[in-house]
Each structure stands twice: as structure tokens, then as C-alpha cells.
Amino acid sequence: MTGKNIDKEELIRQSERVYNFQRVFALKLGFGTREFDKPPYRSLGPATKEEYLSRHDRYDQQLVEKMGIDPEGKSVEEKMALHRQYREQQFEELTINDGDDVKIIHPIAGG
């Protein structure tokens, strides 16, 4: 699209530059603090009851294997909340909080 041949590492570097620019711009607007640095709701899914029910075997298995929770007797809403809580905790573990500075650890680029 740009007329330049780039490898995937350069593509990641370019996307990080855009991401960093967006973060700086958000800070200037007052929105770039840790309070606003959260993944989209949808990415912490399942986002809807229908989504959970369509893949309930998979999600119930994750409750058992990843969280050590027996899904038996829990409502879909309770199970969704458990998934969300677990995934939010995982997101928090992916960040390093150094005072006011938060560094997101990028799993591909190594930081």
C-alpha cells in the first residue's frame, strides 16, 4: 500500500509508533492516564449471554482448567463475570506500574 517492502518486525515498529503517538495525544487531552488504559470490553469476552451459550463447553472448561472453578450451579451471568474478572486480572499482570508511568509489555515486540 505504501510502495515500500517491509517485514513484520518493521510493521510492528510502525504500529508501535502510531500507538505511542495516540497515547501522547490522549495525555494532552487528559485521557492518557492509567484510569483510561483498559482493553475494550469486547476483548475480555464473552461479551453477551448468547456468545457464552454458543461456546459454553469451551468457556466452562476454561473455568475449570484456568481458574479452578466448578461451573456447576452457576448462572451464565455469574460465569461471564468470573471470566471477565480473570481476564482483567491477566491484563493487569501484563503491565508494569512504575509510579505514574505504565509500560505495556508487548508480547511480540518484547516491550
PDB file of N, CA and C in Angstrom:
ATOM      1  N   MET A   1       0.816  -1.180   0.000  1.00  0.00           N
ATOM      2  CA  MET A   1       0.000   0.000   0.000  1.00  0.00           C
ATOM      3  C   MET A   1       0.870   1.260   0.000  1.00  0.00           C
ATOM      4  N   THR A   2       2.020   1.206   0.687  1.00  0.00           N
ATOM      5  CA  THR A   2       2.889   2.385   0.743  1.00  0.00           C
ATOM      6  C   THR A   2       3.932   2.379  -0.356  1.00  0.00           C
ATOM      7  N   GLY A   3       4.081   1.254  -1.036  1.00  0.00           N
ATOM      8  CA  GLY A   3       5.109   1.141  -2.056  1.00  0.00           C
ATOM      9  C   GLY A   3       6.442   0.709  -1.498  1.00  0.00           C
ATOM     10  N   LYS A   4       6.497   0.449  -0.199  1.00  0.00           N
ATOM     11  CA  LYS A   4       7.732   0.001   0.446  1.00  0.00           C
ATOM     12  C   LYS A   4       7.562  -1.443   0.901  1.00  0.00           C
ATOM     13  N   ASN A   5       8.590  -2.236   0.701  1.00  0.00           N
ATOM     14  CA  ASN A   5       8.578  -3.604   1.214  1.00  0.00           C
ATOM     15  C   ASN A   5       9.084  -3.579   2.653  1.00  0.00           C
ATOM     16  N   ILE A   6       8.252  -4.072   3.564  1.00  0.00           N
ATOM     17  CA  ILE A   6       8.659  -4.121   4.968  1.00  0.00           C
ATOM     18  C   ILE A   6       8.360  -5.502   5.531  1.00  0.00           C
ATOM     19  N   ASP A   7       9.169  -5.907   6.500  1.00  0.00           N
ATOM     20  CA  ASP A   7       8.928  -7.196   7.152  1.00  0.00           C
ATOM     21  C   ASP A   7       8.000  -6.995   8.342  1.00  0.00           C
ATOM     22  N   LYS A   8       7.627  -8.100   8.990  1.00  0.00           N
ATOM     23  CA  LYS A   8       6.648  -7.982  10.065  1.00  0.00           C
ATOM     24  C   LYS A   8       7.196  -7.221  11.265  1.00  0.00           C
ATOM     25  N   GLU A   9       8.520  -7.300  11.519  1.00  0.00           N
ATOM     26  CA  GLU A   9       9.096  -6.547  12.629  1.00  0.00           C
ATOM     27  C   GLU A   9       8.975  -5.041  12.401  1.00  0.00           C
ATOM     28  N   GLU A  10       9.222  -4.605  11.155  1.00  0.00           N
ATOM     29  CA  GLU A  10       9.085  -3.181  10.837  1.00  0.00           C
ATOM     30  C   GLU A  10       7.620  -2.755  10.919  1.00  0.00           C
ATOM     31  N   LEU A  11       6.728  -3.616  10.506  1.00  0.00           N
ATOM     32  CA  LEU A  11       5.305  -3.319  10.614  1.00  0.00           C
ATOM     33  C   LEU A  11       4.910  -3.125  12.075  1.00  0.00           C
ATOM     34  N   ILE A  12       5.435  -3.970  12.947  1.00  0.00           N
ATOM     35  CA  ILE A  12       5.158  -3.834  14.378  1.00  0.00           C
ATOM     36  C   ILE A  12       5.751  -2.529  14.905  1.00  0.00           C
ATOM     37  N   ARG A  13       6.990  -2.198  14.508  1.00  0.00           N
ATOM     38  CA  ARG A  13       7.603  -0.938  14.939  1.00  0.00           C
ATOM     39  C   ARG A  13       6.770   0.266  14.498  1.00  0.00           C
ATOM     40  N   GLN A  14       6.296   0.226  13.265  1.00  0.00           N
ATOM     41  CA  GLN A  14       5.472   1.334  12.774  1.00  0.00           C
ATOM     42  C   GLN A  14       4.168   1.437  13.550  1.00  0.00           C
ATOM     43  N   SER A  15       3.559   0.300  13.835  1.00  0.00           N
ATOM     44  CA  SER A  15       2.298   0.336  14.580  1.00  0.00           C
ATOM     45  C   SER A  15       2.540   0.819  16.007  1.00  0.00           C
ATOM     46  N   GLU A  16       3.692   0.473  16.592  1.00  0.00           N
ATOM     47  CA  GLU A  16       4.015   0.977  17.930  1.00  0.00           C
ATOM     48  C   GLU A  16       4.198   2.484  17.920  1.00  0.00           C
ATOM     49  N   ARG A  17       4.789   3.028  16.861  1.00  0.00           N
ATOM     50  CA  ARG A  17       4.954   4.484  16.765  1.00  0.00           C
ATOM     51  C   ARG A  17       3.591   5.170  16.713  1.00  0.00           C
ATOM     52  N   VAL A  18       2.678   4.608  15.957  1.00  0.00           N
ATOM     53  CA  VAL A  18       1.320   5.170  15.878  1.00  0.00           C
ATOM     54  C   VAL A  18       0.643   5.071  17.238  1.00  0.00           C
ATOM     55  N   TYR A  19       0.766   3.912  17.874  1.00  0.00           N
ATOM     56  CA  TYR A  19       0.160   3.707  19.197  1.00  0.00           C
ATOM     57  C   TYR A  19       0.732   4.707  20.202  1.00  0.00           C
ATOM     58  N   ASN A  20       2.051   4.868  20.206  1.00  0.00           N
ATOM     59  CA  ASN A  20       2.678   5.814  21.137  1.00  0.00           C
ATOM     60  C   ASN A  20       2.224   7.239  20.859  1.00  0.00           C
ATOM     61  N   PHE A  21       2.106   7.599  19.583  1.00  0.00           N
ATOM     62  CA  PHE A  21       1.604   8.935  19.239  1.00  0.00           C
ATOM     63  C   PHE A  21       0.185   9.123  19.775  1.00  0.00           C
ATOM     64  N   GLN A  22      -0.654   8.118  19.601  1.00  0.00           N
ATOM     65  CA  GLN A  22      -2.026   8.205  20.091  1.00  0.00           C
ATOM     66  C   GLN A  22      -2.059   8.365  21.613  1.00  0.00           C
ATOM     67  N   ARG A  23      -1.176   7.667  22.297  1.00  0.00           N
ATOM     68  CA  ARG A  23      -1.132   7.777  23.759  1.00  0.00           C
ATOM     69  C   ARG A  23      -0.701   9.170  24.194  1.00  0.00           C
ATOM     70  N   VAL A  24       0.313   9.730  23.529  1.00  0.00           N
ATOM     71  CA  VAL A  24       0.773  11.079  23.868  1.00  0.00           C
ATOM     72  C   VAL A  24      -0.343  12.087  23.602  1.00  0.00           C
ATOM     73  N   PHE A  25      -1.011  11.938  22.473  1.00  0.00           N
ATOM     74  CA  PHE A  25      -2.110  12.835  22.136  1.00  0.00           C
ATOM     75  C   PHE A  25      -3.226  12.721  23.178  1.00  0.00           C
ATOM     76  N   ALA A  26      -3.540  11.491  23.596  1.00  0.00           N
ATOM     77  CA  ALA A  26      -4.566  11.281  24.619  1.00  0.00           C
ATOM     78  C   ALA A  26      -4.158  11.942  25.930  1.00  0.00           C
ATOM     79  N   LEU A  27      -2.874  11.860  26.293  1.00  0.00           N
ATOM     80  CA  LEU A  27      -2.393  12.529  27.510  1.00  0.00           C
ATOM     81  C   LEU A  27      -2.621  14.032  27.435  1.00  0.00           C
ATOM     82  N   LYS A  28      -2.331  14.597  26.268  1.00  0.00           N
ATOM     83  CA  LYS A  28      -2.538  16.041  26.085  1.00  0.00           C
ATOM     84  C   LYS A  28      -4.005  16.418  26.284  1.00  0.00           C
ATOM     85  N   LEU A  29      -4.904  15.494  25.918  1.00  0.00           N
ATOM     86  CA  LEU A  29      -6.336  15.744  26.069  1.00  0.00           C
ATOM     87  C   LEU A  29      -6.859  15.357  27.451  1.00  0.00           C
ATOM     88  N   GLY A  30      -5.969  14.811  28.282  1.00  0.00           N
ATOM     89  CA  GLY A  30      -6.370  14.439  29.637  1.00  0.00           C
ATOM     90  C   GLY A  30      -6.932  13.035  29.764  1.00  0.00           C
ATOM     91  N   PHE A  31      -6.750  12.203  28.740  1.00  0.00           N
ATOM     92  CA  PHE A  31      -7.310  10.857  28.774  1.00  0.00           C
ATOM     93  C   PHE A  31      -6.268   9.747  28.781  1.00  0.00           C
ATOM     94  N   GLY A  32      -5.005  10.071  28.890  1.00  0.00           N
ATOM     95  CA  GLY A  32      -3.972   9.056  28.738  1.00  0.00           C
ATOM     96  C   GLY A  32      -3.466   8.460  30.035  1.00  0.00           C
ATOM     97  N   THR A  33      -4.182   8.657  31.123  1.00  0.00           N
ATOM     98  CA  THR A  33      -3.730   8.128  32.403  1.00  0.00           C
ATOM     99  C   THR A  33      -4.116   6.655  32.541  1.00  0.00           C
ATOM    100  N   ARG A  34      -3.595   6.008  33.542  1.00  0.00           N
ATOM    101  CA  ARG A  34      -3.844   4.585  33.777  1.00  0.00           C
ATOM    102  C   ARG A  34      -5.340   4.290  33.906  1.00  0.00           C
ATOM    103  N   GLU A  35      -6.058   5.213  34.445  1.00  0.00           N
ATOM    104  CA  GLU A  35      -7.506   5.048  34.604  1.00  0.00           C
ATOM    105  C   GLU A  35      -8.190   4.730  33.274  1.00  0.00           C
ATOM    106  N   PHE A  36      -7.664   5.286  32.177  1.00  0.00           N
ATOM    107  CA  PHE A  36      -8.265   5.094  30.861  1.00  0.00           C
ATOM    108  C   PHE A  36      -7.586   3.996  30.044  1.00  0.00           C
ATOM    109  N   ASP A  37      -6.523   3.415  30.578  1.00  0.00           N
ATOM    110  CA  ASP A  37      -5.742   2.419  29.847  1.00  0.00           C
ATOM    111  C   ASP A  37      -6.304   1.024  30.114  1.00  0.00           C
ATOM    112  N   LYS A  38      -7.389   0.738  29.483  1.00  0.00           N
ATOM    113  CA  LYS A  38      -8.052  -0.548  29.670  1.00  0.00           C
ATOM    114  C   LYS A  38      -8.363  -1.158  28.308  1.00  0.00           C
ATOM    115  N   PRO A  39      -8.346  -2.485  28.248  1.00  0.00           N
ATOM    116  CA  PRO A  39      -8.703  -3.123  26.975  1.00  0.00           C
ATOM    117  C   PRO A  39     -10.200  -2.931  26.700  1.00  0.00           C
ATOM    118  N   PRO A  40     -10.592  -2.986  25.443  1.00  0.00           N
ATOM    119  CA  PRO A  40     -12.017  -2.864  25.122  1.00  0.00           C
ATOM    120  C   PRO A  40     -12.835  -3.978  25.781  1.00  0.00           C
ATOM    121  N   TYR A  41     -14.037  -3.647  26.178  1.00  0.00           N
ATOM    122  CA  TYR A  41     -14.930  -4.598  26.843  1.00  0.00           C
ATOM    123  C   TYR A  41     -15.030  -5.894  26.042  1.00  0.00           C
ATOM    124  N   ARG A  42     -15.183  -5.772  24.746  1.00  0.00           N
ATOM    125  CA  ARG A  42     -15.368  -6.926  23.864  1.00  0.00           C
ATOM    126  C   ARG A  42     -14.182  -7.879  23.900  1.00  0.00           C
ATOM    127  N   SER A  43     -12.976  -7.350  24.097  1.00  0.00           N
ATOM    128  CA  SER A  43     -11.796  -8.212  24.072  1.00  0.00           C
ATOM    129  C   SER A  43     -11.664  -9.060  25.321  1.00  0.00           C
ATOM    130  N   LEU A  44     -12.430  -8.753  26.347  1.00  0.00           N
ATOM    131  CA  LEU A  44     -12.400  -9.536  27.574  1.00  0.00           C
ATOM    132  C   LEU A  44     -13.544 -10.538  27.637  1.00  0.00           C
ATOM    133  N   GLY A  45     -14.222 -10.748  26.520  1.00  0.00           N
ATOM    134  CA  GLY A  45     -15.387 -11.589  26.369  1.00  0.00           C
ATOM    135  C   GLY A  45     -15.422 -12.811  27.245  1.00  0.00           C
ATOM    136  N   PRO A  46     -16.466 -13.572  27.226  1.00  0.00           N
ATOM    137  CA  PRO A  46     -17.612 -13.403  26.350  1.00  0.00           C
ATOM    138  C   PRO A  46     -18.409 -12.147  26.720  1.00  0.00           C
ATOM    139  N   ALA A  47     -18.819 -11.433  25.707  1.00  0.00           N
ATOM    140  CA  ALA A  47     -19.463 -10.142  25.922  1.00  0.00           C
ATOM    141  C   ALA A  47     -20.975 -10.245  26.096  1.00  0.00           C
ATOM    142  N   THR A  48     -21.570 -11.304  25.579  1.00  0.00           N
ATOM    143  CA  THR A  48     -23.026 -11.456  25.695  1.00  0.00           C
ATOM    144  C   THR A  48     -23.367 -12.864  26.177  1.00  0.00           C
ATOM    145  N   LYS A  49     -24.559 -12.984  26.703  1.00  0.00           N
ATOM    146  CA  LYS A  49     -25.046 -14.282  27.155  1.00  0.00           C
ATOM    147  C   LYS A  49     -25.110 -15.261  25.973  1.00  0.00           C
ATOM    148  N   GLU A  50     -25.546 -14.755  24.818  1.00  0.00           N
ATOM    149  CA  GLU A  50     -25.647 -15.598  23.624  1.00  0.00           C
ATOM    150  C   GLU A  50     -24.280 -16.136  23.213  1.00  0.00           C
ATOM    151  N   GLU A  51     -23.268 -15.272  23.315  1.00  0.00           N
ATOM    152  CA  GLU A  51     -21.909 -15.716  22.981  1.00  0.00           C
ATOM    153  C   GLU A  51     -21.459 -16.824  23.924  1.00  0.00           C
ATOM    154  N   TYR A  52     -21.721 -16.649  25.210  1.00  0.00           N
ATOM    155  CA  TYR A  52     -21.326 -17.686  26.177  1.00  0.00           C
ATOM    156  C   TYR A  52     -22.033 -18.994  25.862  1.00  0.00           C
ATOM    157  N   LEU A  53     -23.326 -18.914  25.639  1.00  0.00           N
ATOM    158  CA  LEU A  53     -24.104 -20.136  25.391  1.00  0.00           C
ATOM    159  C   LEU A  53     -23.670 -20.838  24.105  1.00  0.00           C
ATOM    160  N   SER A  54     -23.241 -20.076  23.106  1.00  0.00           N
ATOM    161  CA  SER A  54     -22.834 -20.690  21.840  1.00  0.00           C
ATOM    162  C   SER A  54     -21.536 -21.482  21.978  1.00  0.00           C
ATOM    163  N   ARG A  55     -20.753 -21.176  23.017  1.00  0.00           N
ATOM    164  CA  ARG A  55     -19.478 -21.868  23.235  1.00  0.00           C
ATOM    165  C   ARG A  55     -19.339 -22.280  24.701  1.00  0.00           C
ATOM    166  N   HIS A  56     -20.440 -22.642  25.307  1.00  0.00           N
ATOM    167  CA  HIS A  56     -20.441 -22.899  26.747  1.00  0.00           C
ATOM    168  C   HIS A  56     -19.483 -24.016  27.160  1.00  0.00           C
ATOM    169  N   ASP A  57     -19.318 -25.043  26.320  1.00  0.00           N
ATOM    170  CA  ASP A  57     -18.386 -26.123  26.677  1.00  0.00           C
ATOM    171  C   ASP A  57     -16.966 -25.574  26.823  1.00  0.00           C
ATOM    172  N   ARG A  58     -16.572 -24.757  25.885  1.00  0.00           N
ATOM    173  CA  ARG A  58     -15.228 -24.165  25.917  1.00  0.00           C
ATOM    174  C   ARG A  58     -15.054 -23.258  27.128  1.00  0.00           C
ATOM    175  N   TYR A  59     -16.020 -22.380  27.368  1.00  0.00           N
ATOM    176  CA  TYR A  59     -15.915 -21.441  28.480  1.00  0.00           C
ATOM    177  C   TYR A  59     -15.979 -22.155  29.830  1.00  0.00           C
ATOM    178  N   ASP A  60     -16.834 -23.165  29.939  1.00  0.00           N
ATOM    179  CA  ASP A  60     -16.899 -23.929  31.184  1.00  0.00           C
ATOM    180  C   ASP A  60     -15.582 -24.668  31.436  1.00  0.00           C
ATOM    181  N   GLN A  61     -14.994 -25.187  30.379  1.00  0.00           N
ATOM    182  CA  GLN A  61     -13.711 -25.872  30.502  1.00  0.00           C
ATOM    183  C   GLN A  61     -12.622 -24.901  30.965  1.00  0.00           C
ATOM    184  N   GLN A  62     -12.650 -23.675  30.468  1.00  0.00           N
ATOM    185  CA  GLN A  62     -11.685 -22.663  30.905  1.00  0.00           C
ATOM    186  C   GLN A  62     -11.861 -22.338  32.386  1.00  0.00           C
ATOM    187  N   LEU A  63     -13.117 -22.300  32.838  1.00  0.00           N
ATOM    188  CA  LEU A  63     -13.356 -22.055  34.258  1.00  0.00           C
ATOM    189  C   LEU A  63     -12.657 -23.110  35.108  1.00  0.00           C
ATOM    190  N   VAL A  64     -12.774 -24.359  34.685  1.00  0.00           N
ATOM    191  CA  VAL A  64     -12.173 -25.457  35.440  1.00  0.00           C
ATOM    192  C   VAL A  64     -10.655 -25.443  35.318  1.00  0.00           C
ATOM    193  N   GLU A  65     -10.152 -25.411  34.083  1.00  0.00           N
ATOM    194  CA  GLU A  65      -8.723 -25.581  33.853  1.00  0.00           C
ATOM    195  C   GLU A  65      -7.879 -24.354  34.188  1.00  0.00           C
ATOM    196  N   LYS A  66      -8.363 -23.169  33.872  1.00  0.00           N
ATOM    197  CA  LYS A  66      -7.560 -21.966  34.083  1.00  0.00           C
ATOM    198  C   LYS A  66      -7.817 -21.293  35.422  1.00  0.00           C
ATOM    199  N   MET A  67      -9.048 -21.438  35.923  1.00  0.00           N
ATOM    200  CA  MET A  67      -9.400 -20.709  37.134  1.00  0.00           C
ATOM    201  C   MET A  67      -9.653 -21.613  38.327  1.00  0.00           C
ATOM    202  N   GLY A  68      -9.768 -22.921  38.081  1.00  0.00           N
ATOM    203  CA  GLY A  68     -10.028 -23.855  39.171  1.00  0.00           C
ATOM    204  C   GLY A  68     -11.406 -23.689  39.783  1.00  0.00           C
ATOM    205  N   ILE A  69     -12.378 -23.311  38.959  1.00  0.00           N
ATOM    206  CA  ILE A  69     -13.743 -23.058  39.442  1.00  0.00           C
ATOM    207  C   ILE A  69     -14.691 -24.066  38.813  1.00  0.00           C
ATOM    208  N   ASP A  70     -15.533 -24.667  39.638  1.00  0.00           N
ATOM    209  CA  ASP A  70     -16.550 -25.593  39.138  1.00  0.00           C
ATOM    210  C   ASP A  70     -17.744 -24.774  38.641  1.00  0.00           C
ATOM    211  N   PRO A  71     -18.055 -24.857  37.349  1.00  0.00           N
ATOM    212  CA  PRO A  71     -19.154 -24.051  36.803  1.00  0.00           C
ATOM    213  C   PRO A  71     -20.549 -24.577  37.170  1.00  0.00           C
ATOM    214  N   GLU A  72     -20.619 -25.777  37.697  1.00  0.00           N
ATOM    215  CA  GLU A  72     -21.907 -26.394  38.017  1.00  0.00           C
ATOM    216  C   GLU A  72     -22.700 -25.519  38.995  1.00  0.00           C
ATOM    217  N   GLY A  73     -23.954 -25.250  38.649  1.00  0.00           N
ATOM    218  CA  GLY A  73     -24.845 -24.496  39.516  1.00  0.00           C
ATOM    219  C   GLY A  73     -24.717 -22.987  39.388  1.00  0.00           C
ATOM    220  N   LYS A  74     -23.802 -22.500  38.571  1.00  0.00           N
ATOM    221  CA  LYS A  74     -23.647 -21.058  38.392  1.00  0.00           C
ATOM    222  C   LYS A  74     -24.440 -20.599  37.169  1.00  0.00           C
ATOM    223  N   SER A  75     -25.004 -19.418  37.255  1.00  0.00           N
ATOM    224  CA  SER A  75     -25.743 -18.871  36.117  1.00  0.00           C
ATOM    225  C   SER A  75     -24.747 -18.425  35.047  1.00  0.00           C
ATOM    226  N   VAL A  76     -25.264 -18.232  33.847  1.00  0.00           N
ATOM    227  CA  VAL A  76     -24.413 -17.755  32.756  1.00  0.00           C
ATOM    228  C   VAL A  76     -23.816 -16.398  33.125  1.00  0.00           C
ATOM    229  N   GLU A  77     -24.600 -15.534  33.736  1.00  0.00           N
ATOM    230  CA  GLU A  77     -24.118 -14.218  34.120  1.00  0.00           C
ATOM    231  C   GLU A  77     -22.973 -14.321  35.128  1.00  0.00           C
ATOM    232  N   GLU A  78     -23.099 -15.246  36.090  1.00  0.00           N
ATOM    233  CA  GLU A  78     -22.029 -15.443  37.072  1.00  0.00           C
ATOM    234  C   GLU A  78     -20.755 -15.949  36.397  1.00  0.00           C
ATOM    235  N   LYS A  79     -20.914 -16.875  35.473  1.00  0.00           N
ATOM    236  CA  LYS A  79     -19.755 -17.427  34.775  1.00  0.00           C
ATOM    237  C   LYS A  79     -19.101 -16.365  33.895  1.00  0.00           C
ATOM    238  N   MET A  80     -19.905 -15.530  33.252  1.00  0.00           N
ATOM    239  CA  MET A  80     -19.343 -14.441  32.445  1.00  0.00           C
ATOM    240  C   MET A  80     -18.556 -13.477  33.331  1.00  0.00           C
ATOM    241  N   ALA A  81     -19.093 -13.169  34.502  1.00  0.00           N
ATOM    242  CA  ALA A  81     -18.405 -12.255  35.426  1.00  0.00           C
ATOM    243  C   ALA A  81     -17.081 -12.860  35.894  1.00  0.00           C
ATOM    244  N   LEU A  82     -17.060 -14.159  36.127  1.00  0.00           N
ATOM    245  CA  LEU A  82     -15.820 -14.826  36.527  1.00  0.00           C
ATOM    246  C   LEU A  82     -14.775 -14.754  35.420  1.00  0.00           C
ATOM    247  N   HIS A  83     -15.206 -14.964  34.177  1.00  0.00           N
ATOM    248  CA  HIS A  83     -14.291 -14.844  33.038  1.00  0.00           C
ATOM    249  C   HIS A  83     -13.736 -13.435  32.938  1.00  0.00           C
ATOM    250  N   ARG A  84     -14.609 -12.454  33.054  1.00  0.00           N
ATOM    251  CA  ARG A  84     -14.186 -11.061  32.937  1.00  0.00           C
ATOM    252  C   ARG A  84     -13.192 -10.711  34.045  1.00  0.00           C
ATOM    253  N   GLN A  85     -13.491 -11.110  35.256  1.00  0.00           N
ATOM    254  CA  GLN A  85     -12.601 -10.832  36.378  1.00  0.00           C
ATOM    255  C   GLN A  85     -11.230 -11.477  36.156  1.00  0.00           C
ATOM    256  N   TYR A  86     -11.215 -12.706  35.685  1.00  0.00           N
ATOM    257  CA  TYR A  86      -9.965 -13.417  35.414  1.00  0.00           C
ATOM    258  C   TYR A  86      -9.162 -12.716  34.322  1.00  0.00           C
ATOM    259  N   ARG A  87      -9.833 -12.312  33.257  1.00  0.00           N
ATOM    260  CA  ARG A  87      -9.130 -11.678  32.135  1.00  0.00           C
ATOM    261  C   ARG A  87      -8.661 -10.272  32.477  1.00  0.00           C
ATOM    262  N   GLU A  88      -9.422  -9.557  33.292  1.00  0.00           N
ATOM    263  CA  GLU A  88      -8.956  -8.242  33.738  1.00  0.00           C
ATOM    264  C   GLU A  88      -7.705  -8.396  34.598  1.00  0.00           C
ATOM    265  N   GLN A  89      -7.690  -9.418  35.428  1.00  0.00           N
ATOM    266  CA  GLN A  89      -6.510  -9.692  36.252  1.00  0.00           C
ATOM    267  C   GLN A  89      -5.315 -10.041  35.366  1.00  0.00           C
ATOM    268  N   GLN A  90      -5.540 -10.824  34.319  1.00  0.00           N
ATOM    269  CA  GLN A  90      -4.464 -11.144  33.395  1.00  0.00           C
ATOM    270  C   GLN A  90      -3.919  -9.875  32.743  1.00  0.00           C
ATOM    271  N   PHE A  91      -4.806  -8.967  32.351  1.00  0.00           N
ATOM    272  CA  PHE A  91      -4.372  -7.716  31.742  1.00  0.00           C
ATOM    273  C   PHE A  91      -3.508  -6.922  32.719  1.00  0.00           C
ATOM    274  N   GLU A  92      -3.926  -6.850  33.967  1.00  0.00           N
ATOM    275  CA  GLU A  92      -3.157  -6.120  34.968  1.00  0.00           C
ATOM    276  C   GLU A  92      -1.767  -6.726  35.123  1.00  0.00           C
ATOM    277  N   GLU A  93      -1.663  -8.034  35.015  1.00  0.00           N
ATOM    278  CA  GLU A  93      -0.368  -8.699  35.141  1.00  0.00           C
ATOM    279  C   GLU A  93       0.530  -8.435  33.933  1.00  0.00           C
ATOM    280  N   LEU A  94      -0.046  -8.018  32.807  1.00  0.00           N
ATOM    281  CA  LEU A  94       0.738  -7.699  31.622  1.00  0.00           C
ATOM    282  C   LEU A  94       1.346  -6.305  31.674  1.00  0.00           C
ATOM    283  N   THR A  95       1.036  -5.557  32.705  1.00  0.00           N
ATOM    284  CA  THR A  95       1.550  -4.198  32.809  1.00  0.00           C
ATOM    285  C   THR A  95       2.521  -4.094  33.975  1.00  0.00           C
ATOM    286  N   ILE A  96       3.434  -3.178  33.823  1.00  0.00           N
ATOM    287  CA  ILE A  96       4.353  -2.850  34.902  1.00  0.00           C
ATOM    288  C   ILE A  96       4.023  -1.440  35.320  1.00  0.00           C
ATOM    289  N   ASN A  97       3.691  -1.258  36.574  1.00  0.00           N
ATOM    290  CA  ASN A  97       3.358   0.071  37.067  1.00  0.00           C
ATOM    291  C   ASN A  97       4.562   0.612  37.816  1.00  0.00           C
ATOM    292  N   ASP A  98       5.190   1.623  37.244  1.00  0.00           N
ATOM    293  CA  ASP A  98       6.374   2.245  37.825  1.00  0.00           C
ATOM    294  C   ASP A  98       6.022   3.682  38.177  1.00  0.00           C
ATOM    295  N   GLY A  99       5.382   3.858  39.327  1.00  0.00           N
ATOM    296  CA  GLY A  99       4.923   5.192  39.707  1.00  0.00           C
ATOM    297  C   GLY A  99       3.784   5.616  38.811  1.00  0.00           C
ATOM    298  N   ASP A 100       3.944   6.764  38.148  1.00  0.00           N
ATOM    299  CA  ASP A 100       2.914   7.259  37.244  1.00  0.00           C
ATOM    300  C   ASP A 100       3.058   6.692  35.842  1.00  0.00           C
ATOM    301  N   ASP A 101       4.214   6.096  35.541  1.00  0.00           N
ATOM    302  CA  ASP A 101       4.459   5.555  34.212  1.00  0.00           C
ATOM    303  C   ASP A 101       4.017   4.103  34.152  1.00  0.00           C
ATOM    304  N   VAL A 102       3.270   3.759  33.133  1.00  0.00           N
ATOM    305  CA  VAL A 102       2.832   2.390  32.928  1.00  0.00           C
ATOM    306  C   VAL A 102       3.390   1.926  31.604  1.00  0.00           C
ATOM    307  N   LYS A 103       4.067   0.809  31.621  1.00  0.00           N
ATOM    308  CA  LYS A 103       4.617   0.257  30.392  1.00  0.00           C
ATOM    309  C   LYS A 103       3.845  -1.009  30.066  1.00  0.00           C
ATOM    310  N   ILE A 104       3.273  -1.061  28.886  1.00  0.00           N
ATOM    311  CA  ILE A 104       2.592  -2.256  28.426  1.00  0.00           C
ATOM    312  C   ILE A 104       3.648  -3.186  27.849  1.00  0.00           C
ATOM    313  N   ILE A 105       3.633  -4.414  28.297  1.00  0.00           N
ATOM    314  CA  ILE A 105       4.576  -5.393  27.782  1.00  0.00           C
ATOM    315  C   ILE A 105       3.979  -5.997  26.533  1.00  0.00           C
ATOM    316  N   HIS A 106       4.579  -5.707  25.379  1.00  0.00           N
ATOM    317  CA  HIS A 106       4.083  -6.190  24.105  1.00  0.00           C
ATOM    318  C   HIS A 106       4.581  -7.612  23.896  1.00  0.00           C
ATOM    319  N   PRO A 107       3.688  -8.597  23.757  1.00  0.00           N
ATOM    320  CA  PRO A 107       4.124  -9.988  23.693  1.00  0.00           C
ATOM    321  C   PRO A 107       4.956 -10.324  22.454  1.00  0.00           C
ATOM    322  N   ILE A 108       4.824  -9.573  21.369  1.00  0.00           N
ATOM    323  CA  ILE A 108       5.576  -9.870  20.154  1.00  0.00           C
ATOM    324  C   ILE A 108       6.878  -9.071  20.113  1.00  0.00           C
ATOM    325  N   ALA A 109       6.762  -7.798  20.400  1.00  0.00           N
ATOM    326  CA  ALA A 109       7.938  -6.928  20.281  1.00  0.00           C
ATOM    327  C   ALA A 109       8.817  -6.934  21.536  1.00  0.00           C
ATOM    328  N   GLY A 110       8.333  -7.587  22.610  1.00  0.00           N
ATOM    329  CA  GLY A 110       9.152  -7.692  23.808  1.00  0.00           C
ATOM    330  C   GLY A 110       9.197  -6.439  24.657  1.00  0.00           C
ATOM    331  N   GLY A 111       8.220  -5.607  24.558  1.00  0.00           N
ATOM    332  CA  GLY A 111       8.182  -4.425  25.415  1.00  0.00           C
ATOM    333  C   GLY A 111       8.102  -3.233  24.608  1.00  0.00           C
TER     334      GLY A 111
END
